[in-house]
Amino acid sequence: MRIDPLSGALGGRSVIRREERGTRLSTQRVEELWQQRAACRGPQAAVFFPPSQVERKDEREARESRAKEICGMCPVRRPCLDYALAIREPHGIWGGLNELERKQLLARAG
């Protein structure tokens, strides 16, 4: 297996190519790999995005706090945040930050 770096808007990205006797078997982007290891996968995923009905401020704060706790234990928090920043994700908690926090981070980065 070899890793070829590609440049991305927010740092390097990689493509992993599995080779067997010089024949490429598969190509998978690193962005897809981190998603498979994310702590937010499964039934708790609902806390990462607002509900379809109106949410009171205290409900939003509690939901976001729970999502951020899960992010705090996640092994792929940084790639998740990088992904959300790169695509300018407008909804949900990604990499431990909500929409406003990501927007402020991007503004500071200029």
PDB file of N, CA and C in Angstrom:
ATOM      1  N   MET A   1       0.851  -1.165   0.000  1.00  0.00           N
ATOM      2  CA  MET A   1       0.000   0.000   0.000  1.00  0.00           C
ATOM      3  C   MET A   1       0.898   1.230   0.000  1.00  0.00           C
ATOM      4  N   ARG A   2       0.558   2.219  -0.819  1.00  0.00           N
ATOM      5  CA  ARG A   2       1.316   3.463  -0.798  1.00  0.00           C
ATOM      6  C   ARG A   2       0.357   4.635  -0.710  1.00  0.00           C
ATOM      7  N   ILE A   3       0.835   5.744  -0.182  1.00  0.00           N
ATOM      8  CA  ILE A   3       0.020   6.939  -0.009  1.00  0.00           C
ATOM      9  C   ILE A   3       0.602   8.043  -0.873  1.00  0.00           C
ATOM     10  N   ASP A   4      -0.237   8.633  -1.732  1.00  0.00           N
ATOM     11  CA  ASP A   4       0.160   9.739  -2.583  1.00  0.00           C
ATOM     12  C   ASP A   4      -0.511  11.007  -2.074  1.00  0.00           C
ATOM     13  N   PRO A   5       0.242  12.023  -1.652  1.00  0.00           N
ATOM     14  CA  PRO A   5      -0.384  13.248  -1.158  1.00  0.00           C
ATOM     15  C   PRO A   5      -0.983  14.068  -2.299  1.00  0.00           C
ATOM     16  N   LEU A   6      -2.136  14.626  -2.049  1.00  0.00           N
ATOM     17  CA  LEU A   6      -2.778  15.580  -2.946  1.00  0.00           C
ATOM     18  C   LEU A   6      -2.962  16.859  -2.157  1.00  0.00           C
ATOM     19  N   SER A   7      -2.915  17.982  -2.793  1.00  0.00           N
ATOM     20  CA  SER A   7      -3.110  19.218  -2.042  1.00  0.00           C
ATOM     21  C   SER A   7      -4.593  19.512  -1.940  1.00  0.00           C
ATOM     22  N   GLY A   8      -4.998  20.027  -0.771  1.00  0.00           N
ATOM     23  CA  GLY A   8      -6.386  20.399  -0.534  1.00  0.00           C
ATOM     24  C   GLY A   8      -6.447  21.827  -0.059  1.00  0.00           C
ATOM     25  N   ALA A   9      -7.635  22.386  -0.022  1.00  0.00           N
ATOM     26  CA  ALA A   9      -7.806  23.776   0.379  1.00  0.00           C
ATOM     27  C   ALA A   9      -7.351  24.013   1.819  1.00  0.00           C
ATOM     28  N   LEU A  10      -7.528  23.006   2.678  1.00  0.00           N
ATOM     29  CA  LEU A  10      -7.177  23.179   4.086  1.00  0.00           C
ATOM     30  C   LEU A  10      -6.130  22.175   4.515  1.00  0.00           C
ATOM     31  N   GLY A  11      -5.141  21.970   3.697  1.00  0.00           N
ATOM     32  CA  GLY A  11      -4.091  21.020   4.059  1.00  0.00           C
ATOM     33  C   GLY A  11      -4.070  19.860   3.098  1.00  0.00           C
ATOM     34  N   GLY A  12      -3.110  18.986   3.289  1.00  0.00           N
ATOM     35  CA  GLY A  12      -2.950  17.863   2.381  1.00  0.00           C
ATOM     36  C   GLY A  12      -4.034  16.822   2.547  1.00  0.00           C
ATOM     37  N   ARG A  13      -4.374  16.217   1.459  1.00  0.00           N
ATOM     38  CA  ARG A  13      -5.293  15.092   1.444  1.00  0.00           C
ATOM     39  C   ARG A  13      -4.551  13.948   0.800  1.00  0.00           C
ATOM     40  N   SER A  14      -5.003  12.752   1.015  1.00  0.00           N
ATOM     41  CA  SER A  14      -4.318  11.606   0.446  1.00  0.00           C
ATOM     42  C   SER A  14      -5.290  10.657  -0.212  1.00  0.00           C
ATOM     43  N   VAL A  15      -4.778   9.954  -1.173  1.00  0.00           N
ATOM     44  CA  VAL A  15      -5.504   8.862  -1.788  1.00  0.00           C
ATOM     45  C   VAL A  15      -4.717   7.608  -1.483  1.00  0.00           C
ATOM     46  N   ILE A  16      -5.376   6.600  -0.992  1.00  0.00           N
ATOM     47  CA  ILE A  16      -4.712   5.345  -0.677  1.00  0.00           C
ATOM     48  C   ILE A  16      -5.013   4.368  -1.804  1.00  0.00           C
ATOM     49  N   ARG A  17      -3.963   3.796  -2.348  1.00  0.00           N
ATOM     50  CA  ARG A  17      -4.118   2.836  -3.430  1.00  0.00           C
ATOM     51  C   ARG A  17      -3.584   1.495  -2.975  1.00  0.00           C
ATOM     52  N   ARG A  18      -4.422   0.483  -3.036  1.00  0.00           N
ATOM     53  CA  ARG A  18      -3.960  -0.865  -2.732  1.00  0.00           C
ATOM     54  C   ARG A  18      -3.491  -1.487  -4.033  1.00  0.00           C
ATOM     55  N   GLU A  19      -2.308  -2.011  -4.001  1.00  0.00           N
ATOM     56  CA  GLU A  19      -1.767  -2.625  -5.208  1.00  0.00           C
ATOM     57  C   GLU A  19      -1.331  -4.050  -4.914  1.00  0.00           C
ATOM     58  N   GLU A  20      -1.541  -4.895  -5.876  1.00  0.00           N
ATOM     59  CA  GLU A  20      -1.104  -6.277  -5.780  1.00  0.00           C
ATOM     60  C   GLU A  20      -0.447  -6.623  -7.104  1.00  0.00           C
ATOM     61  N   ARG A  21       0.825  -6.897  -7.050  1.00  0.00           N
ATOM     62  CA  ARG A  21       1.611  -7.211  -8.256  1.00  0.00           C
ATOM     63  C   ARG A  21       1.427  -6.157  -9.349  1.00  0.00           C
ATOM     64  N   GLY A  22       1.445  -4.878  -8.928  1.00  0.00           N
ATOM     65  CA  GLY A  22       1.362  -3.797  -9.894  1.00  0.00           C
ATOM     66  C   GLY A  22      -0.033  -3.493 -10.397  1.00  0.00           C
ATOM     67  N   THR A  23      -1.051  -4.204  -9.951  1.00  0.00           N
ATOM     68  CA  THR A  23      -2.423  -3.967 -10.394  1.00  0.00           C
ATOM     69  C   THR A  23      -3.190  -3.246  -9.296  1.00  0.00           C
ATOM     70  N   ARG A  24      -3.764  -2.127  -9.634  1.00  0.00           N
ATOM     71  CA  ARG A  24      -4.535  -1.373  -8.649  1.00  0.00           C
ATOM     72  C   ARG A  24      -5.864  -2.083  -8.426  1.00  0.00           C
ATOM     73  N   LEU A  25      -6.159  -2.380  -7.154  1.00  0.00           N
ATOM     74  CA  LEU A  25      -7.404  -3.057  -6.818  1.00  0.00           C
ATOM     75  C   LEU A  25      -8.513  -2.076  -6.460  1.00  0.00           C
ATOM     76  N   SER A  26      -8.161  -1.047  -5.708  1.00  0.00           N
ATOM     77  CA  SER A  26      -9.191  -0.081  -5.318  1.00  0.00           C
ATOM     78  C   SER A  26      -8.543   1.247  -4.965  1.00  0.00           C
ATOM     79  N   THR A  27      -9.331   2.295  -5.057  1.00  0.00           N
ATOM     80  CA  THR A  27      -8.906   3.617  -4.642  1.00  0.00           C
ATOM     81  C   THR A  27      -9.990   4.162  -3.742  1.00  0.00           C
ATOM     82  N   GLN A  28      -9.596   4.663  -2.589  1.00  0.00           N
ATOM     83  CA  GLN A  28     -10.566   5.231  -1.652  1.00  0.00           C
ATOM     84  C   GLN A  28      -9.976   6.491  -1.060  1.00  0.00           C
ATOM     85  N   ARG A  29     -10.746   7.561  -1.081  1.00  0.00           N
ATOM     86  CA  ARG A  29     -10.272   8.827  -0.541  1.00  0.00           C
ATOM     87  C   ARG A  29     -10.231   8.771   0.980  1.00  0.00           C
ATOM     88  N   VAL A  30      -9.283   9.458   1.560  1.00  0.00           N
ATOM     89  CA  VAL A  30      -9.125   9.492   3.004  1.00  0.00           C
ATOM     90  C   VAL A  30     -10.377  10.059   3.666  1.00  0.00           C
ATOM     91  N   GLU A  31     -11.045  11.025   3.004  1.00  0.00           N
ATOM     92  CA  GLU A  31     -12.253  11.599   3.586  1.00  0.00           C
ATOM     93  C   GLU A  31     -13.291  10.525   3.882  1.00  0.00           C
ATOM     94  N   GLU A  32     -13.361   9.505   3.052  1.00  0.00           N
ATOM     95  CA  GLU A  32     -14.316   8.421   3.266  1.00  0.00           C
ATOM     96  C   GLU A  32     -13.872   7.531   4.420  1.00  0.00           C
ATOM     97  N   LEU A  33     -12.583   7.384   4.605  1.00  0.00           N
ATOM     98  CA  LEU A  33     -12.078   6.526   5.674  1.00  0.00           C
ATOM     99  C   LEU A  33     -12.382   7.088   7.054  1.00  0.00           C
ATOM    100  N   TRP A  34     -12.221   8.389   7.262  1.00  0.00           N
ATOM    101  CA  TRP A  34     -12.470   8.948   8.589  1.00  0.00           C
ATOM    102  C   TRP A  34     -13.935   8.810   8.961  1.00  0.00           C
ATOM    103  N   GLN A  35     -14.830   8.909   8.011  1.00  0.00           N
ATOM    104  CA  GLN A  35     -16.256   8.806   8.302  1.00  0.00           C
ATOM    105  C   GLN A  35     -16.616   7.429   8.862  1.00  0.00           C
ATOM    106  N   GLN A  36     -15.917   6.404   8.432  1.00  0.00           N
ATOM    107  CA  GLN A  36     -16.177   5.055   8.924  1.00  0.00           C
ATOM    108  C   GLN A  36     -15.768   4.896  10.385  1.00  0.00           C
ATOM    109  N   ARG A  37     -14.839   5.722  10.858  1.00  0.00           N
ATOM    110  CA  ARG A  37     -14.341   5.627  12.239  1.00  0.00           C
ATOM    111  C   ARG A  37     -14.947   6.670  13.170  1.00  0.00           C
ATOM    112  N   ALA A  38     -15.870   7.472  12.675  1.00  0.00           N
ATOM    113  CA  ALA A  38     -16.428   8.577  13.456  1.00  0.00           C
ATOM    114  C   ALA A  38     -17.290   8.087  14.619  1.00  0.00           C
ATOM    115  N   ALA A  39     -17.135   8.737  15.759  1.00  0.00           N
ATOM    116  CA  ALA A  39     -17.901   8.381  16.962  1.00  0.00           C
ATOM    117  C   ALA A  39     -19.377   8.734  16.830  1.00  0.00           C
ATOM    118  N   CYS A  40     -19.731   9.587  15.884  1.00  0.00           N
ATOM    119  CA  CYS A  40     -21.116  10.027  15.723  1.00  0.00           C
ATOM    120  C   CYS A  40     -21.970   9.045  14.926  1.00  0.00           C
ATOM    121  N   ARG A  41     -21.375   8.001  14.400  1.00  0.00           N
ATOM    122  CA  ARG A  41     -22.145   7.019  13.633  1.00  0.00           C
ATOM    123  C   ARG A  41     -23.103   6.269  14.554  1.00  0.00           C
ATOM    124  N   GLY A  42     -24.259   5.951  14.052  1.00  0.00           N
ATOM    125  CA  GLY A  42     -25.205   5.169  14.826  1.00  0.00           C
ATOM    126  C   GLY A  42     -26.373   5.993  15.326  1.00  0.00           C
ATOM    127  N   PRO A  43     -27.076   5.457  16.324  1.00  0.00           N
ATOM    128  CA  PRO A  43     -28.312   6.101  16.791  1.00  0.00           C
ATOM    129  C   PRO A  43     -28.123   7.494  17.382  1.00  0.00           C
ATOM    130  N   GLN A  44     -26.952   7.802  17.920  1.00  0.00           N
ATOM    131  CA  GLN A  44     -26.710   9.124  18.516  1.00  0.00           C
ATOM    132  C   GLN A  44     -26.503  10.210  17.467  1.00  0.00           C
ATOM    133  N   ALA A  45     -26.474   9.868  16.194  1.00  0.00           N
ATOM    134  CA  ALA A  45     -26.230  10.843  15.127  1.00  0.00           C
ATOM    135  C   ALA A  45     -27.254  11.976  15.124  1.00  0.00           C
ATOM    136  N   ALA A  46     -28.446  11.738  15.624  1.00  0.00           N
ATOM    137  CA  ALA A  46     -29.499  12.761  15.619  1.00  0.00           C
ATOM    138  C   ALA A  46     -29.115  14.007  16.402  1.00  0.00           C
ATOM    139  N   VAL A  47     -28.276  13.887  17.415  1.00  0.00           N
ATOM    140  CA  VAL A  47     -27.930  15.064  18.222  1.00  0.00           C
ATOM    141  C   VAL A  47     -27.004  16.026  17.483  1.00  0.00           C
ATOM    142  N   PHE A  48     -26.483  15.635  16.354  1.00  0.00           N
ATOM    143  CA  PHE A  48     -25.545  16.480  15.617  1.00  0.00           C
ATOM    144  C   PHE A  48     -26.232  17.484  14.694  1.00  0.00           C
ATOM    145  N   PHE A  49     -27.527  17.320  14.501  1.00  0.00           N
ATOM    146  CA  PHE A  49     -28.271  18.204  13.599  1.00  0.00           C
ATOM    147  C   PHE A  49     -29.569  18.642  14.266  1.00  0.00           C
ATOM    148  N   PRO A  50     -30.038  19.850  13.951  1.00  0.00           N
ATOM    149  CA  PRO A  50     -31.282  20.325  14.565  1.00  0.00           C
ATOM    150  C   PRO A  50     -32.469  19.479  14.106  1.00  0.00           C
ATOM    151  N   PRO A  51     -33.485  19.373  14.960  1.00  0.00           N
ATOM    152  CA  PRO A  51     -34.677  18.615  14.583  1.00  0.00           C
ATOM    153  C   PRO A  51     -35.487  19.363  13.523  1.00  0.00           C
ATOM    154  N   SER A  52     -36.420  18.693  12.902  1.00  0.00           N
ATOM    155  CA  SER A  52     -37.240  19.326  11.859  1.00  0.00           C
ATOM    156  C   SER A  52     -38.237  20.329  12.439  1.00  0.00           C
ATOM    157  N   GLN A  53     -38.603  20.176  13.719  1.00  0.00           N
ATOM    158  CA  GLN A  53     -39.494  21.144  14.365  1.00  0.00           C
ATOM    159  C   GLN A  53     -38.669  22.225  15.058  1.00  0.00           C
ATOM    160  N   VAL A  54     -39.350  23.262  15.501  1.00  0.00           N
ATOM    161  CA  VAL A  54     -38.673  24.367  16.188  1.00  0.00           C
ATOM    162  C   VAL A  54     -38.043  23.845  17.486  1.00  0.00           C
ATOM    163  N   GLU A  55     -36.858  24.335  17.766  1.00  0.00           N
ATOM    164  CA  GLU A  55     -36.096  23.914  18.937  1.00  0.00           C
ATOM    165  C   GLU A  55     -35.854  25.132  19.832  1.00  0.00           C
ATOM    166  N   ARG A  56     -36.213  25.024  21.114  1.00  0.00           N
ATOM    167  CA  ARG A  56     -35.946  26.113  22.052  1.00  0.00           C
ATOM    168  C   ARG A  56     -34.448  26.229  22.290  1.00  0.00           C
ATOM    169  N   LYS A  57     -34.021  27.404  22.748  1.00  0.00           N
ATOM    170  CA  LYS A  57     -32.599  27.662  22.967  1.00  0.00           C
ATOM    171  C   LYS A  57     -31.995  26.658  23.944  1.00  0.00           C
ATOM    172  N   ASP A  58     -32.677  26.362  25.052  1.00  0.00           N
ATOM    173  CA  ASP A  58     -32.130  25.419  26.031  1.00  0.00           C
ATOM    174  C   ASP A  58     -32.046  24.004  25.459  1.00  0.00           C
ATOM    175  N   GLU A  59     -32.987  23.646  24.597  1.00  0.00           N
ATOM    176  CA  GLU A  59     -32.945  22.328  23.942  1.00  0.00           C
ATOM    177  C   GLU A  59     -31.765  22.249  22.972  1.00  0.00           C
ATOM    178  N   ARG A  60     -31.568  23.333  22.208  1.00  0.00           N
ATOM    179  CA  ARG A  60     -30.442  23.376  21.261  1.00  0.00           C
ATOM    180  C   ARG A  60     -29.116  23.274  22.008  1.00  0.00           C
ATOM    181  N   GLU A  61     -28.983  24.039  23.078  1.00  0.00           N
ATOM    182  CA  GLU A  61     -27.743  24.025  23.857  1.00  0.00           C
ATOM    183  C   GLU A  61     -27.469  22.641  24.438  1.00  0.00           C
ATOM    184  N   ALA A  62     -28.506  21.969  24.926  1.00  0.00           N
ATOM    185  CA  ALA A  62     -28.333  20.616  25.480  1.00  0.00           C
ATOM    186  C   ALA A  62     -27.950  19.623  24.382  1.00  0.00           C
ATOM    187  N   ARG A  63     -28.613  19.734  23.221  1.00  0.00           N
ATOM    188  CA  ARG A  63     -28.303  18.840  22.098  1.00  0.00           C
ATOM    189  C   ARG A  63     -26.871  19.057  21.618  1.00  0.00           C
ATOM    190  N   GLU A  64     -26.489  20.313  21.441  1.00  0.00           N
ATOM    191  CA  GLU A  64     -25.133  20.621  20.982  1.00  0.00           C
ATOM    192  C   GLU A  64     -24.089  20.191  22.001  1.00  0.00           C
ATOM    193  N   SER A  65     -24.379  20.361  23.269  1.00  0.00           N
ATOM    194  CA  SER A  65     -23.444  19.952  24.316  1.00  0.00           C
ATOM    195  C   SER A  65     -23.207  18.440  24.256  1.00  0.00           C
ATOM    196  N   ARG A  66     -24.272  17.680  24.083  1.00  0.00           N
ATOM    197  CA  ARG A  66     -24.146  16.218  23.982  1.00  0.00           C
ATOM    198  C   ARG A  66     -23.328  15.847  22.734  1.00  0.00           C
ATOM    199  N   ALA A  67     -23.596  16.496  21.621  1.00  0.00           N
ATOM    200  CA  ALA A  67     -22.854  16.219  20.390  1.00  0.00           C
ATOM    201  C   ALA A  67     -21.368  16.533  20.574  1.00  0.00           C
ATOM    202  N   LYS A  68     -21.072  17.641  21.223  1.00  0.00           N
ATOM    203  CA  LYS A  68     -19.678  18.032  21.439  1.00  0.00           C
ATOM    204  C   LYS A  68     -18.965  17.077  22.391  1.00  0.00           C
ATOM    205  N   GLU A  69     -19.694  16.501  23.352  1.00  0.00           N
ATOM    206  CA  GLU A  69     -19.106  15.476  24.222  1.00  0.00           C
ATOM    207  C   GLU A  69     -18.674  14.264  23.397  1.00  0.00           C
ATOM    208  N   ILE A  70     -19.525  13.862  22.464  1.00  0.00           N
ATOM    209  CA  ILE A  70     -19.195  12.732  21.589  1.00  0.00           C
ATOM    210  C   ILE A  70     -17.987  13.085  20.730  1.00  0.00           C
ATOM    211  N   CYS A  71     -17.953  14.296  20.196  1.00  0.00           N
ATOM    212  CA  CYS A  71     -16.810  14.749  19.393  1.00  0.00           C
ATOM    213  C   CYS A  71     -15.519  14.723  20.208  1.00  0.00           C
ATOM    214  N   GLY A  72     -15.628  15.069  21.473  1.00  0.00           N
ATOM    215  CA  GLY A  72     -14.448  15.114  22.334  1.00  0.00           C
ATOM    216  C   GLY A  72     -13.761  13.769  22.486  1.00  0.00           C
ATOM    217  N   MET A  73     -14.502  12.696  22.295  1.00  0.00           N
ATOM    218  CA  MET A  73     -13.941  11.342  22.402  1.00  0.00           C
ATOM    219  C   MET A  73     -13.644  10.733  21.031  1.00  0.00           C
ATOM    220  N   CYS A  74     -13.891  11.471  19.986  1.00  0.00           N
ATOM    221  CA  CYS A  74     -13.801  10.923  18.630  1.00  0.00           C
ATOM    222  C   CYS A  74     -12.357  10.890  18.114  1.00  0.00           C
ATOM    223  N   PRO A  75     -11.932   9.761  17.531  1.00  0.00           N
ATOM    224  CA  PRO A  75     -10.570   9.660  17.012  1.00  0.00           C
ATOM    225  C   PRO A  75     -10.354  10.420  15.705  1.00  0.00           C
ATOM    226  N   VAL A  76     -11.428  10.866  15.069  1.00  0.00           N
ATOM    227  CA  VAL A  76     -11.288  11.549  13.775  1.00  0.00           C
ATOM    228  C   VAL A  76     -11.885  12.955  13.810  1.00  0.00           C
ATOM    229  N   ARG A  77     -11.803  13.582  14.971  1.00  0.00           N
ATOM    230  CA  ARG A  77     -12.373  14.921  15.129  1.00  0.00           C
ATOM    231  C   ARG A  77     -11.756  15.925  14.150  1.00  0.00           C
ATOM    232  N   ARG A  78     -10.457  15.927  14.016  1.00  0.00           N
ATOM    233  CA  ARG A  78      -9.789  16.909  13.150  1.00  0.00           C
ATOM    234  C   ARG A  78     -10.138  16.720  11.667  1.00  0.00           C
ATOM    235  N   PRO A  79     -10.083  15.506  11.119  1.00  0.00           N
ATOM    236  CA  PRO A  79     -10.486  15.351   9.714  1.00  0.00           C
ATOM    237  C   PRO A  79     -11.950  15.743   9.486  1.00  0.00           C
ATOM    238  N   CYS A  80     -12.792  15.499  10.474  1.00  0.00           N
ATOM    239  CA  CYS A  80     -14.197  15.876  10.390  1.00  0.00           C
ATOM    240  C   CYS A  80     -14.329  17.395  10.298  1.00  0.00           C
ATOM    241  N   LEU A  81     -13.641  18.102  11.166  1.00  0.00           N
ATOM    242  CA  LEU A  81     -13.687  19.561  11.145  1.00  0.00           C
ATOM    243  C   LEU A  81     -13.100  20.099   9.839  1.00  0.00           C
ATOM    244  N   ASP A  82     -11.982  19.549   9.404  1.00  0.00           N
ATOM    245  CA  ASP A  82     -11.373  19.983   8.144  1.00  0.00           C
ATOM    246  C   ASP A  82     -12.339  19.812   6.979  1.00  0.00           C
ATOM    247  N   TYR A  83     -13.044  18.694   6.966  1.00  0.00           N
ATOM    248  CA  TYR A  83     -14.022  18.420   5.909  1.00  0.00           C
ATOM    249  C   TYR A  83     -15.137  19.465   5.932  1.00  0.00           C
ATOM    250  N   ALA A  84     -15.706  19.721   7.110  1.00  0.00           N
ATOM    251  CA  ALA A  84     -16.794  20.687   7.232  1.00  0.00           C
ATOM    252  C   ALA A  84     -16.352  22.086   6.819  1.00  0.00           C
ATOM    253  N   LEU A  85     -15.135  22.462   7.178  1.00  0.00           N
ATOM    254  CA  LEU A  85     -14.616  23.768   6.784  1.00  0.00           C
ATOM    255  C   LEU A  85     -14.381  23.833   5.283  1.00  0.00           C
ATOM    256  N   ALA A  86     -13.851  22.767   4.713  1.00  0.00           N
ATOM    257  CA  ALA A  86     -13.540  22.750   3.285  1.00  0.00           C
ATOM    258  C   ALA A  86     -14.789  22.865   2.418  1.00  0.00           C
ATOM    259  N   ILE A  87     -15.869  22.246   2.852  1.00  0.00           N
ATOM    260  CA  ILE A  87     -17.101  22.292   2.044  1.00  0.00           C
ATOM    261  C   ILE A  87     -18.066  23.371   2.524  1.00  0.00           C
ATOM    262  N   ARG A  88     -17.650  24.116   3.561  1.00  0.00           N
ATOM    263  CA  ARG A  88     -18.486  25.176   4.143  1.00  0.00           C
ATOM    264  C   ARG A  88     -19.846  24.609   4.576  1.00  0.00           C
ATOM    265  N   GLU A  89     -19.805  23.502   5.324  1.00  0.00           N
ATOM    266  CA  GLU A  89     -21.028  22.843   5.798  1.00  0.00           C
ATOM    267  C   GLU A  89     -21.856  23.823   6.632  1.00  0.00           C
ATOM    268  N   PRO A  90     -23.104  24.095   6.209  1.00  0.00           N
ATOM    269  CA  PRO A  90     -23.909  25.094   6.913  1.00  0.00           C
ATOM    270  C   PRO A  90     -24.748  24.566   8.082  1.00  0.00           C
ATOM    271  N   HIS A  91     -24.742  23.264   8.322  1.00  0.00           N
ATOM    272  CA  HIS A  91     -25.626  22.698   9.347  1.00  0.00           C
ATOM    273  C   HIS A  91     -24.889  21.718  10.245  1.00  0.00           C
ATOM    274  N   GLY A  92     -25.292  21.684  11.508  1.00  0.00           N
ATOM    275  CA  GLY A  92     -24.854  20.644  12.415  1.00  0.00           C
ATOM    276  C   GLY A  92     -23.528  20.872  13.112  1.00  0.00           C
ATOM    277  N   ILE A  93     -23.219  19.896  13.972  1.00  0.00           N
ATOM    278  CA  ILE A  93     -21.954  19.876  14.701  1.00  0.00           C
ATOM    279  C   ILE A  93     -20.985  19.000  13.909  1.00  0.00           C
ATOM    280  N   TRP A  94     -19.846  19.561  13.574  1.00  0.00           N
ATOM    281  CA  TRP A  94     -18.804  18.832  12.829  1.00  0.00           C
ATOM    282  C   TRP A  94     -17.476  19.125  13.509  1.00  0.00           C
ATOM    283  N   GLY A  95     -16.734  18.108  13.860  1.00  0.00           N
ATOM    284  CA  GLY A  95     -15.433  18.305  14.481  1.00  0.00           C
ATOM    285  C   GLY A  95     -15.506  19.071  15.794  1.00  0.00           C
ATOM    286  N   GLY A  96     -16.638  18.998  16.465  1.00  0.00           N
ATOM    287  CA  GLY A  96     -16.789  19.660  17.760  1.00  0.00           C
ATOM    288  C   GLY A  96     -17.239  21.106  17.695  1.00  0.00           C
ATOM    289  N   LEU A  97     -17.520  21.620  16.504  1.00  0.00           N
ATOM    290  CA  LEU A  97     -17.954  23.015  16.374  1.00  0.00           C
ATOM    291  C   LEU A  97     -19.319  23.099  15.705  1.00  0.00           C
ATOM    292  N   ASN A  98     -20.130  24.059  16.157  1.00  0.00           N
ATOM    293  CA  ASN A  98     -21.424  24.277  15.504  1.00  0.00           C
ATOM    294  C   ASN A  98     -21.244  25.220  14.311  1.00  0.00           C
ATOM    295  N   GLU A  99     -22.348  25.552  13.674  1.00  0.00           N
ATOM    296  CA  GLU A  99     -22.302  26.374  12.456  1.00  0.00           C
ATOM    297  C   GLU A  99     -21.634  27.726  12.699  1.00  0.00           C
ATOM    298  N   LEU A 100     -22.049  28.409  13.761  1.00  0.00           N
ATOM    299  CA  LEU A 100     -21.497  29.732  14.069  1.00  0.00           C
ATOM    300  C   LEU A 100     -20.015  29.656  14.405  1.00  0.00           C
ATOM    301  N   GLU A 101     -19.623  28.671  15.180  1.00  0.00           N
ATOM    302  CA  GLU A 101     -18.214  28.514  15.558  1.00  0.00           C
ATOM    303  C   GLU A 101     -17.334  28.239  14.333  1.00  0.00           C
ATOM    304  N   ARG A 102     -17.838  27.445  13.398  1.00  0.00           N
ATOM    305  CA  ARG A 102     -17.073  27.195  12.162  1.00  0.00           C
ATOM    306  C   ARG A 102     -16.970  28.456  11.317  1.00  0.00           C
ATOM    307  N   LYS A 103     -18.057  29.190  11.241  1.00  0.00           N
ATOM    308  CA  LYS A 103     -18.056  30.430  10.473  1.00  0.00           C
ATOM    309  C   LYS A 103     -17.054  31.424  11.059  1.00  0.00           C
ATOM    310  N   GLN A 104     -17.017  31.535  12.390  1.00  0.00           N
ATOM    311  CA  GLN A 104     -16.061  32.430  13.048  1.00  0.00           C
ATOM    312  C   GLN A 104     -14.625  31.969  12.821  1.00  0.00           C
ATOM    313  N   LEU A 105     -14.391  30.673  12.855  1.00  0.00           N
ATOM    314  CA  LEU A 105     -13.057  30.138  12.607  1.00  0.00           C
ATOM    315  C   LEU A 105     -12.584  30.475  11.194  1.00  0.00           C
ATOM    316  N   LEU A 106     -13.468  30.317  10.224  1.00  0.00           N
ATOM    317  CA  LEU A 106     -13.118  30.644   8.842  1.00  0.00           C
ATOM    318  C   LEU A 106     -12.848  32.140   8.684  1.00  0.00           C
ATOM    319  N   ALA A 107     -13.627  32.964   9.357  1.00  0.00           N
ATOM    320  CA  ALA A 107     -13.430  34.425   9.272  1.00  0.00           C
ATOM    321  C   ALA A 107     -12.071  34.822   9.841  1.00  0.00           C
ATOM    322  N   ARG A 108     -11.692  34.197  10.969  1.00  0.00           N
ATOM    323  CA  ARG A 108     -10.387  34.497  11.570  1.00  0.00           C
ATOM    324  C   ARG A 108      -9.234  34.020  10.682  1.00  0.00           C
ATOM    325  N   ALA A 109      -9.458  32.910   9.983  1.00  0.00           N
ATOM    326  CA  ALA A 109      -8.408  32.355   9.111  1.00  0.00           C
ATOM    327  C   ALA A 109      -8.220  33.234   7.873  1.00  0.00           C
ATOM    328  N   GLY A 110      -9.238  34.044   7.592  1.00  0.00           N
ATOM    329  CA  GLY A 110      -9.161  35.032   6.535  1.00  0.00           C
ATOM    330  C   GLY A 110      -9.193  34.464   5.192  1.00  0.00           C
TER     331      GLY A 110
END
